[in-house]
Amino acid sequence: MTTAGETGVPARLEGKSKAMVFCWVLGLGSLVAWNSMLTIGDYYYKVFPHYHPSRVLTIVYQPFAIGTMAILTYHESKVDTRKRNIIGYILFTLSTLFLLVLDLATSGKGGVWPYFGICVLVACFGVADAHVQGGMVGDLSFMCPEFMQSFFAGLAASGALTSGMRLITKAAFDKAHDGLRKGAMLFMAISTFFEFICIILYATWFAKIPIVKRYHSKAASEGSKTVSADLVAAGIQTQDGDSKEDRLSNKQLLFQNINYAIDLYLIHVLTLTILPGFLYENTGTHQLGSWYALVLIAMYNVWDLISRYIPLIGWLKLESRKGLLIVIVTRCLLVPAFYFTAKYGDQGWMINARFLLGLEQWISHCLCYDKQNALGNLLVLFLLGGIFSGVSLGWLWIIHNDKF
């Protein structure tokens, strides 16, 4: 039998490349369902033209994500990470599937009850998101930073992938009868398949990768109670660690890293103030017509994906706490920039503004590495809080709108 040493791969690194690929796919699955909802906004605006889908669905999503995340963060040391993540991916899969079933059952008709059904499923997305993002960030925080980076790259890739798929499905059915609906339904079916793949990958193979088993064993030996099911799945007997007394409380962790939490909150307040509601309702009508909002979302998602890899360039990775805060505060200038671009600029200027918003997401990726499990959950909680605040503030764009 060939050993790790005989293949030239150190035992401690065996399976690292495979684990990074899995982390990327699992990151993609953590947001592909929600990004799918955002990307078919053009379809929902046709079916529910008076219900502000991009704004309402986003604000429905967030309270359930934050509430669930707060509960899971409070009980972080007692929650089994493996079960938490599997539950999240299953819930994502079923919710995406039921969106498809709901549309088929109602034949794509509008009305308050189909819209209410969509809102319920979106709330399920929020619960699933809290399970998966917090759980995966907490799990990967025990491991090497490259795994965390791959996971966050997968999160960004979900946006770029869904945008690309949506453009393809829209083009494929653009001239067909009821083409907008057919394209959206095909798109949701593909998203359901991606979520199902994540269940299989995480439940069956991830915990058995040698380097992942090594990190889980190390975490268990240091007192972590959240990885026991992963060790059992990998065929390793668990033992009680003796360092439980050395663990910092959530309150202590938060106070020691309050600047990181505030930075993540501020970043996502600004981003979600603009995305997605502003895109669909406040950018006007231009030559691209029904393609305009899709192009703007695609521009943001592609540059968000690129920005995930910027921290890998050493001299571009911001590590100064004061420097991060200064850069984040200066991002507030994007709010008037988008306002005047929407009011006076043409579509080219708006597309460039979207590029800038997506590229500047690299700042948040400088904050999310080398964190332990409890802190990872706390940072995700502040991230979700920022998203909720941003979505709420996004309604201010339409106060002057007679259609509000």
Protein backbone atom coordinates (compact mmCIF):
# COMPACT_ATOMS: atom_id res chain seq x y z
CA MET A 1 0.00 0.00 0.00
CA THR A 2 1.31 3.44 -0.90
CA THR A 3 1.76 5.80 2.01
CA ALA A 4 1.60 9.56 2.04
CA GLY A 5 5.35 9.74 2.47
CA GLU A 6 5.94 7.46 -0.54
CA THR A 7 3.85 9.68 -2.78
CA GLY A 8 5.87 12.71 -1.77
CA VAL A 9 2.96 14.32 0.10
CA PRO A 10 3.46 14.93 3.84
CA ALA A 11 0.81 13.17 5.93
CA ARG A 12 -0.28 16.46 7.45
CA LEU A 13 -1.08 17.84 3.97
CA GLU A 14 -2.65 14.74 2.43
CA GLY A 15 -5.89 15.66 0.69
CA LYS A 16 -5.39 19.43 1.02
CA SER A 17 -6.13 20.20 -2.65
CA LYS A 18 -9.20 17.98 -2.58
CA ALA A 19 -10.43 19.65 0.61
CA MET A 20 -9.96 23.10 -0.94
CA VAL A 21 -12.09 22.08 -3.93
CA PHE A 22 -14.77 20.74 -1.59
CA CYS A 23 -14.70 23.98 0.43
CA TRP A 24 -15.17 25.96 -2.77
CA VAL A 25 -18.18 23.86 -3.81
CA LEU A 26 -19.69 24.02 -0.32
CA GLY A 27 -19.25 27.80 -0.33
CA LEU A 28 -21.03 27.96 -3.66
CA GLY A 29 -23.89 25.90 -2.22
CA SER A 30 -24.19 28.23 0.75
CA LEU A 31 -25.43 31.10 -1.41
CA VAL A 32 -26.51 29.65 -4.74
CA ALA A 33 -30.14 29.32 -3.63
CA TRP A 34 -30.41 32.91 -2.40
CA ASN A 35 -28.48 34.30 -5.36
CA SER A 36 -30.89 32.43 -7.59
CA MET A 37 -33.77 34.30 -5.95
CA LEU A 38 -32.06 37.63 -6.57
CA THR A 39 -31.13 36.79 -10.14
CA ILE A 40 -34.67 35.88 -11.23
CA GLY A 41 -35.90 39.21 -9.89
CA ASP A 42 -36.86 40.18 -13.45
CA TYR A 43 -39.35 37.29 -13.49
CA TYR A 44 -40.81 38.10 -10.07
CA TYR A 45 -41.20 41.78 -11.03
CA LYS A 46 -43.31 40.64 -13.98
CA VAL A 47 -45.49 38.34 -11.85
CA PHE A 48 -45.70 40.62 -8.78
CA PRO A 49 -45.18 44.14 -10.19
CA HIS A 50 -46.62 45.99 -7.19
CA TYR A 51 -45.03 44.01 -4.34
CA HIS A 52 -41.38 45.19 -4.54
CA PRO A 53 -40.01 41.60 -4.70
CA SER A 54 -36.29 42.42 -4.46
CA ARG A 55 -36.79 44.53 -1.36
CA VAL A 56 -39.55 42.55 0.37
CA LEU A 57 -38.01 39.10 -0.15
CA THR A 58 -34.64 40.31 1.08
CA ILE A 59 -36.09 41.86 4.23
CA VAL A 60 -38.13 38.68 4.88
CA TYR A 61 -34.97 36.60 4.55
CA GLN A 62 -32.81 38.52 7.01
CA PRO A 63 -34.76 38.36 10.34
CA PHE A 64 -34.90 34.58 10.11
CA ALA A 65 -31.20 34.41 9.25
CA ILE A 66 -30.22 36.73 12.12
CA GLY A 67 -32.58 35.16 14.68
CA THR A 68 -31.42 31.62 13.91
CA MET A 69 -27.79 32.72 13.83
CA ALA A 70 -28.11 34.43 17.22
CA ILE A 71 -29.54 31.26 18.79
CA LEU A 72 -26.87 29.05 17.24
CA THR A 73 -24.10 31.47 18.26
CA TYR A 74 -25.32 31.51 21.87
CA HIS A 75 -25.27 27.70 21.96
CA GLU A 76 -22.16 27.41 19.75
CA SER A 77 -20.18 25.16 22.08
CA LYS A 78 -23.05 22.64 22.30
CA VAL A 79 -24.18 22.54 18.65
CA ASP A 80 -22.85 19.68 16.56
CA THR A 81 -21.34 21.35 13.50
CA ARG A 82 -21.81 18.37 11.18
CA LYS A 83 -25.52 18.02 11.89
CA ARG A 84 -25.96 21.78 11.69
CA ASN A 85 -24.43 21.98 8.22
CA ILE A 86 -26.27 18.96 6.86
CA ILE A 87 -29.60 20.38 8.10
CA GLY A 88 -28.78 23.68 6.40
CA TYR A 89 -27.96 22.15 3.02
CA ILE A 90 -31.04 19.92 3.14
CA LEU A 91 -33.23 22.93 3.95
CA PHE A 92 -31.68 24.88 1.07
CA THR A 93 -32.38 22.01 -1.32
CA LEU A 94 -35.98 21.50 -0.26
CA SER A 95 -36.79 25.22 -0.23
CA THR A 96 -35.38 25.71 -3.74
CA LEU A 97 -37.29 22.66 -4.96
CA PHE A 98 -40.55 23.89 -3.42
CA LEU A 99 -40.12 27.27 -5.13
CA LEU A 100 -40.17 25.39 -8.40
CA VAL A 101 -43.17 23.28 -7.30
CA LEU A 102 -45.07 26.37 -6.14
CA ASP A 103 -44.64 28.09 -9.48
CA LEU A 104 -45.74 24.95 -11.35
CA ALA A 105 -48.75 24.50 -9.06
CA THR A 106 -49.90 28.10 -9.59
CA SER A 107 -48.98 28.16 -13.31
CA GLY A 108 -46.91 31.27 -12.69
CA LYS A 109 -49.91 33.34 -11.60
CA GLY A 110 -49.53 36.38 -9.39
CA GLY A 111 -51.56 37.25 -6.34
CA VAL A 112 -51.07 37.58 -2.63
CA TRP A 113 -51.16 33.87 -1.70
CA PRO A 114 -48.47 32.69 -4.15
CA TYR A 115 -46.40 35.67 -3.00
CA PHE A 116 -46.95 34.67 0.64
CA GLY A 117 -45.80 31.13 -0.21
CA ILE A 118 -42.61 32.51 -1.75
CA CYS A 119 -42.02 34.60 1.38
CA VAL A 120 -42.33 31.48 3.57
CA LEU A 121 -39.77 29.65 1.45
CA VAL A 122 -37.47 32.67 1.53
CA ALA A 123 -37.71 32.61 5.35
CA CYS A 124 -36.55 28.98 5.13
CA PHE A 125 -33.58 30.21 3.10
CA GLY A 126 -32.72 32.52 5.99
CA VAL A 127 -32.81 29.66 8.51
CA ALA A 128 -30.69 27.49 6.20
CA ASP A 129 -28.20 30.31 5.65
CA ALA A 130 -27.67 30.73 9.40
CA HIS A 131 -27.03 26.99 9.75
CA VAL A 132 -24.61 26.70 6.85
CA GLN A 133 -22.60 29.92 6.79
CA GLY A 134 -22.02 30.08 10.53
CA GLY A 135 -21.47 26.33 10.71
CA MET A 136 -19.00 26.16 7.84
CA VAL A 137 -17.09 29.27 8.97
CA GLY A 138 -16.89 27.81 12.47
CA ASP A 139 -15.79 24.40 11.19
CA LEU A 140 -13.15 25.76 8.82
CA SER A 141 -11.81 28.09 11.50
CA PHE A 142 -10.20 25.01 13.04
CA MET A 143 -8.27 24.42 9.82
CA CYS A 144 -5.80 26.23 7.57
CA PRO A 145 -6.66 29.71 6.18
CA GLU A 146 -6.66 28.37 2.61
CA PHE A 147 -9.83 26.40 3.36
CA MET A 148 -11.60 29.51 4.60
CA GLN A 149 -10.44 31.45 1.54
CA SER A 150 -11.74 28.70 -0.77
CA PHE A 151 -15.09 28.70 1.02
CA PHE A 152 -15.49 32.48 0.65
CA ALA A 153 -14.37 32.25 -2.98
CA GLY A 154 -17.16 29.72 -3.49
CA LEU A 155 -19.63 32.17 -1.93
CA ALA A 156 -18.63 34.78 -4.49
CA ALA A 157 -18.59 32.22 -7.29
CA SER A 158 -22.24 31.43 -6.55
CA GLY A 159 -23.13 34.99 -7.55
CA ALA A 160 -21.02 34.91 -10.72
CA LEU A 161 -22.31 31.44 -11.64
CA THR A 162 -25.97 32.30 -11.10
CA SER A 163 -25.59 35.51 -13.08
CA GLY A 164 -23.98 33.61 -15.95
CA MET A 165 -26.63 30.90 -15.90
CA ARG A 166 -29.42 33.47 -15.76
CA LEU A 167 -28.07 35.33 -18.77
CA ILE A 168 -27.83 32.04 -20.68
CA THR A 169 -31.33 30.84 -19.77
CA LYS A 170 -32.81 34.26 -20.54
CA ALA A 171 -31.11 34.29 -23.95
CA ALA A 172 -32.20 30.71 -24.67
CA PHE A 173 -35.89 31.44 -24.00
CA ASP A 174 -35.97 35.12 -24.95
CA LYS A 175 -38.07 34.56 -28.08
CA ALA A 176 -40.12 31.62 -26.78
CA HIS A 177 -43.71 31.83 -25.57
CA ASP A 178 -43.65 32.58 -21.84
CA GLY A 179 -39.88 32.51 -22.19
CA LEU A 180 -39.13 34.53 -19.06
CA ARG A 181 -40.90 31.99 -16.87
CA LYS A 182 -39.39 28.97 -18.64
CA GLY A 183 -35.91 30.40 -18.25
CA ALA A 184 -36.48 31.13 -14.55
CA MET A 185 -37.81 27.61 -13.91
CA LEU A 186 -34.87 25.94 -15.66
CA PHE A 187 -32.60 28.17 -13.65
CA MET A 188 -34.21 27.14 -10.34
CA ALA A 189 -33.98 23.46 -11.29
CA ILE A 190 -30.23 23.81 -11.87
CA SER A 191 -29.86 25.58 -8.51
CA THR A 192 -31.73 22.74 -6.76
CA PHE A 193 -29.29 20.26 -8.30
CA PHE A 194 -26.30 22.26 -7.01
CA GLU A 195 -27.72 22.25 -3.48
CA PHE A 196 -28.30 18.49 -3.63
CA ILE A 197 -24.67 17.95 -4.66
CA CYS A 198 -23.56 19.87 -1.56
CA ILE A 199 -25.53 17.52 0.69
CA ILE A 200 -23.75 14.53 -0.85
CA LEU A 201 -20.29 16.11 -0.69
CA TYR A 202 -20.53 17.24 2.92
CA ALA A 203 -22.42 14.25 4.36
CA THR A 204 -20.41 11.57 2.56
CA TRP A 205 -16.84 12.63 1.79
CA PHE A 206 -15.68 15.87 3.38
CA ALA A 207 -15.10 14.61 6.93
CA LYS A 208 -13.13 11.61 5.61
CA ILE A 209 -10.44 13.63 3.81
CA PRO A 210 -7.17 12.94 5.70
CA ILE A 211 -6.22 16.55 6.38
CA VAL A 212 -9.78 17.34 7.55
CA LYS A 213 -9.69 14.34 9.91
CA ARG A 214 -6.39 15.62 11.28
CA TYR A 215 -7.76 19.08 12.00
CA HIS A 216 -10.92 17.70 13.60
CA SER A 217 -8.88 15.39 15.82
CA LYS A 218 -6.68 18.30 16.88
CA ALA A 219 -9.74 20.46 17.66
CA ALA A 220 -11.28 17.66 19.73
CA SER A 221 -8.04 17.18 21.67
CA GLU A 222 -8.09 20.89 22.52
CA GLY A 223 -11.55 20.70 24.03
CA SER A 224 -13.94 21.35 21.14
CA LYS A 225 -17.26 19.54 21.45
CA THR A 226 -18.60 20.60 18.05
CA VAL A 227 -16.59 18.19 15.86
CA SER A 228 -17.47 14.86 17.48
CA ALA A 229 -19.91 13.80 14.76
CA ASP A 230 -17.32 14.58 12.06
CA LEU A 231 -14.82 12.31 13.80
CA VAL A 232 -17.40 9.52 14.11
CA ALA A 233 -18.24 9.89 10.39
CA ALA A 234 -14.52 9.61 9.62
CA GLY A 235 -14.20 6.46 11.75
CA ILE A 236 -12.25 8.09 14.61
CA GLN A 237 -13.04 7.52 18.27
CA THR A 238 -13.61 10.77 20.14
CA GLN A 239 -12.00 11.68 23.43
CA ASP A 240 -12.81 14.44 25.86
CA GLY A 241 -10.37 17.34 25.64
CA ASP A 242 -8.91 18.92 28.74
CA SER A 243 -8.75 22.56 27.70
CA LYS A 244 -12.36 23.54 28.14
CA GLU A 245 -11.45 25.94 30.92
CA ASP A 246 -9.16 27.85 28.55
CA ARG A 247 -11.94 28.71 26.12
CA LEU A 248 -12.90 32.37 26.00
CA SER A 249 -16.56 33.25 26.36
CA ASN A 250 -18.45 34.75 23.43
CA LYS A 251 -18.52 38.08 25.28
CA GLN A 252 -14.74 38.09 25.76
CA LEU A 253 -14.14 37.15 22.13
CA LEU A 254 -16.45 39.90 20.95
CA PHE A 255 -14.81 42.61 23.05
CA GLN A 256 -11.36 41.55 21.90
CA ASN A 257 -12.40 41.70 18.25
CA ILE A 258 -15.14 44.34 18.30
CA ASN A 259 -13.47 46.32 15.52
CA TYR A 260 -13.67 43.36 13.12
CA ALA A 261 -17.35 42.89 13.97
CA ILE A 262 -18.12 46.59 13.38
CA ASP A 263 -16.13 46.58 10.12
CA LEU A 264 -18.13 43.64 8.74
CA TYR A 265 -21.36 45.28 9.85
CA LEU A 266 -20.54 48.59 8.09
CA ILE A 267 -19.37 46.90 4.89
CA HIS A 268 -22.62 45.01 4.44
CA VAL A 269 -24.85 47.90 5.50
CA LEU A 270 -23.55 49.87 2.54
CA THR A 271 -23.58 47.01 0.03
CA LEU A 272 -27.14 45.91 0.81
CA THR A 273 -28.43 49.46 0.81
CA ILE A 274 -27.70 49.36 -2.93
CA LEU A 275 -28.03 45.68 -3.80
CA PRO A 276 -30.53 44.37 -4.91
CA GLY A 277 -33.48 46.76 -4.44
CA PHE A 278 -31.81 49.87 -5.86
CA LEU A 279 -30.83 47.93 -8.99
CA TYR A 280 -34.33 46.81 -9.91
CA GLU A 281 -36.30 49.91 -8.97
CA ASN A 282 -34.11 53.03 -9.00
CA THR A 283 -31.76 52.82 -11.96
CA GLY A 284 -34.22 53.88 -14.64
CA THR A 285 -34.82 52.52 -18.14
CA HIS A 286 -31.95 52.25 -20.61
CA GLN A 287 -31.06 50.72 -23.97
CA LEU A 288 -30.43 47.29 -22.44
CA GLY A 289 -34.10 47.09 -21.42
CA SER A 290 -34.95 43.95 -19.45
CA TRP A 291 -31.30 42.90 -19.59
CA TYR A 292 -30.13 45.99 -17.68
CA ALA A 293 -30.65 44.78 -14.09
CA LEU A 294 -29.19 41.36 -14.95
CA VAL A 295 -26.07 42.96 -16.41
CA LEU A 296 -25.64 45.15 -13.31
CA ILE A 297 -25.95 42.15 -10.99
CA ALA A 298 -23.55 40.14 -13.14
CA MET A 299 -21.01 42.98 -13.06
CA TYR A 300 -21.14 43.10 -9.26
CA ASN A 301 -20.92 39.31 -8.85
CA VAL A 302 -17.98 38.85 -11.23
CA TRP A 303 -15.91 41.54 -9.53
CA ASP A 304 -16.94 40.27 -6.11
CA LEU A 305 -15.50 36.89 -7.14
CA ILE A 306 -12.26 38.49 -8.34
CA SER A 307 -11.99 40.47 -5.11
CA ARG A 308 -12.01 37.26 -3.06
CA TYR A 309 -8.52 36.46 -4.34
CA ILE A 310 -7.01 39.90 -3.77
CA PRO A 311 -6.06 39.14 -0.11
CA LEU A 312 -3.82 36.36 -1.46
CA ILE A 313 -1.55 39.12 -2.81
CA GLY A 314 0.45 39.95 0.28
CA TRP A 315 0.91 43.69 -0.23
CA LEU A 316 -2.82 44.14 -0.97
CA LYS A 317 -4.02 42.42 2.19
CA LEU A 318 -5.01 45.03 4.75
CA GLU A 319 -4.14 43.93 8.28
CA SER A 320 -4.08 47.25 10.12
CA ARG A 321 -7.25 47.64 12.18
CA LYS A 322 -7.15 51.42 11.82
CA GLY A 323 -6.49 51.19 8.07
CA LEU A 324 -9.44 48.84 7.55
CA LEU A 325 -11.78 51.17 9.41
CA ILE A 326 -10.64 54.21 7.38
CA VAL A 327 -11.15 52.43 4.06
CA ILE A 328 -14.57 51.13 5.13
CA VAL A 329 -15.79 54.55 6.23
CA THR A 330 -14.69 56.11 2.92
CA ARG A 331 -16.94 53.61 1.12
CA CYS A 332 -19.89 55.72 2.30
CA LEU A 333 -19.06 58.01 -0.63
CA LEU A 334 -20.55 55.32 -2.87
CA VAL A 335 -24.06 56.24 -1.70
CA PRO A 336 -24.08 59.74 -3.28
CA ALA A 337 -22.11 58.32 -6.21
CA PHE A 338 -24.90 55.85 -6.99
CA TYR A 339 -27.59 58.45 -6.41
CA PHE A 340 -26.15 60.94 -8.90
CA THR A 341 -25.23 58.20 -11.37
CA ALA A 342 -28.82 56.93 -11.36
CA LYS A 343 -30.20 60.47 -11.70
CA TYR A 344 -27.84 61.94 -14.29
CA GLY A 345 -25.62 59.20 -15.72
CA ASP A 346 -26.23 56.70 -18.50
CA GLN A 347 -26.00 52.91 -18.26
CA GLY A 348 -22.25 52.87 -18.83
CA TRP A 349 -21.58 54.94 -15.73
CA MET A 350 -23.85 52.73 -13.64
CA ILE A 351 -22.13 49.56 -14.86
CA ASN A 352 -18.78 51.06 -13.83
CA ALA A 353 -20.20 51.93 -10.42
CA ARG A 354 -21.30 48.31 -9.99
CA PHE A 355 -17.80 47.18 -10.86
CA LEU A 356 -16.41 49.42 -8.12
CA LEU A 357 -18.89 48.16 -5.52
CA GLY A 358 -18.04 44.54 -6.32
CA LEU A 359 -14.29 45.09 -6.34
CA GLU A 360 -14.33 46.86 -2.98
CA GLN A 361 -15.73 43.71 -1.35
CA TRP A 362 -12.10 42.59 -1.04
CA ILE A 363 -12.00 44.57 2.20
CA SER A 364 -14.40 42.15 3.89
CA HIS A 365 -12.29 39.20 2.81
CA CYS A 366 -9.32 40.61 4.72
CA LEU A 367 -11.36 40.18 7.93
CA CYS A 368 -12.49 36.57 7.78
CA TYR A 369 -9.39 34.40 8.08
CA ASP A 370 -7.61 32.85 11.05
CA LYS A 371 -10.67 33.03 13.35
CA GLN A 372 -11.67 30.37 15.85
CA ASN A 373 -15.09 28.71 15.82
CA ALA A 374 -16.96 30.93 18.29
CA LEU A 375 -15.51 34.13 16.81
CA GLY A 376 -16.38 32.96 13.30
CA ASN A 377 -20.00 32.57 14.37
CA LEU A 378 -20.00 36.02 15.99
CA LEU A 379 -18.57 37.66 12.87
CA VAL A 380 -21.20 35.99 10.68
CA LEU A 381 -23.86 37.27 13.10
CA PHE A 382 -22.61 40.85 12.67
CA LEU A 383 -22.38 40.31 8.92
CA LEU A 384 -26.04 39.27 8.82
CA GLY A 385 -26.94 42.22 11.04
CA GLY A 386 -25.27 44.53 8.55
CA ILE A 387 -27.17 42.93 5.69
CA PHE A 388 -30.48 43.38 7.49
CA SER A 389 -29.73 47.02 8.30
CA GLY A 390 -28.67 47.67 4.70
CA VAL A 391 -31.80 46.08 3.29
CA SER A 392 -33.94 48.16 5.66
CA LEU A 393 -32.15 51.38 4.69
CA GLY A 394 -32.61 50.43 1.03
CA TRP A 395 -36.28 51.40 1.34
CA LEU A 396 -35.21 55.03 1.76
CA TRP A 397 -34.42 55.14 -1.97
CA ILE A 398 -38.14 54.97 -2.81
CA ILE A 399 -39.70 57.24 -0.16
CA HIS A 400 -40.23 59.87 -2.85
CA ASN A 401 -41.68 57.30 -5.27
CA ASP A 402 -45.44 57.62 -5.85
CA LYS A 403 -45.66 53.86 -6.38
CA PHE A 404 -44.45 53.11 -2.85
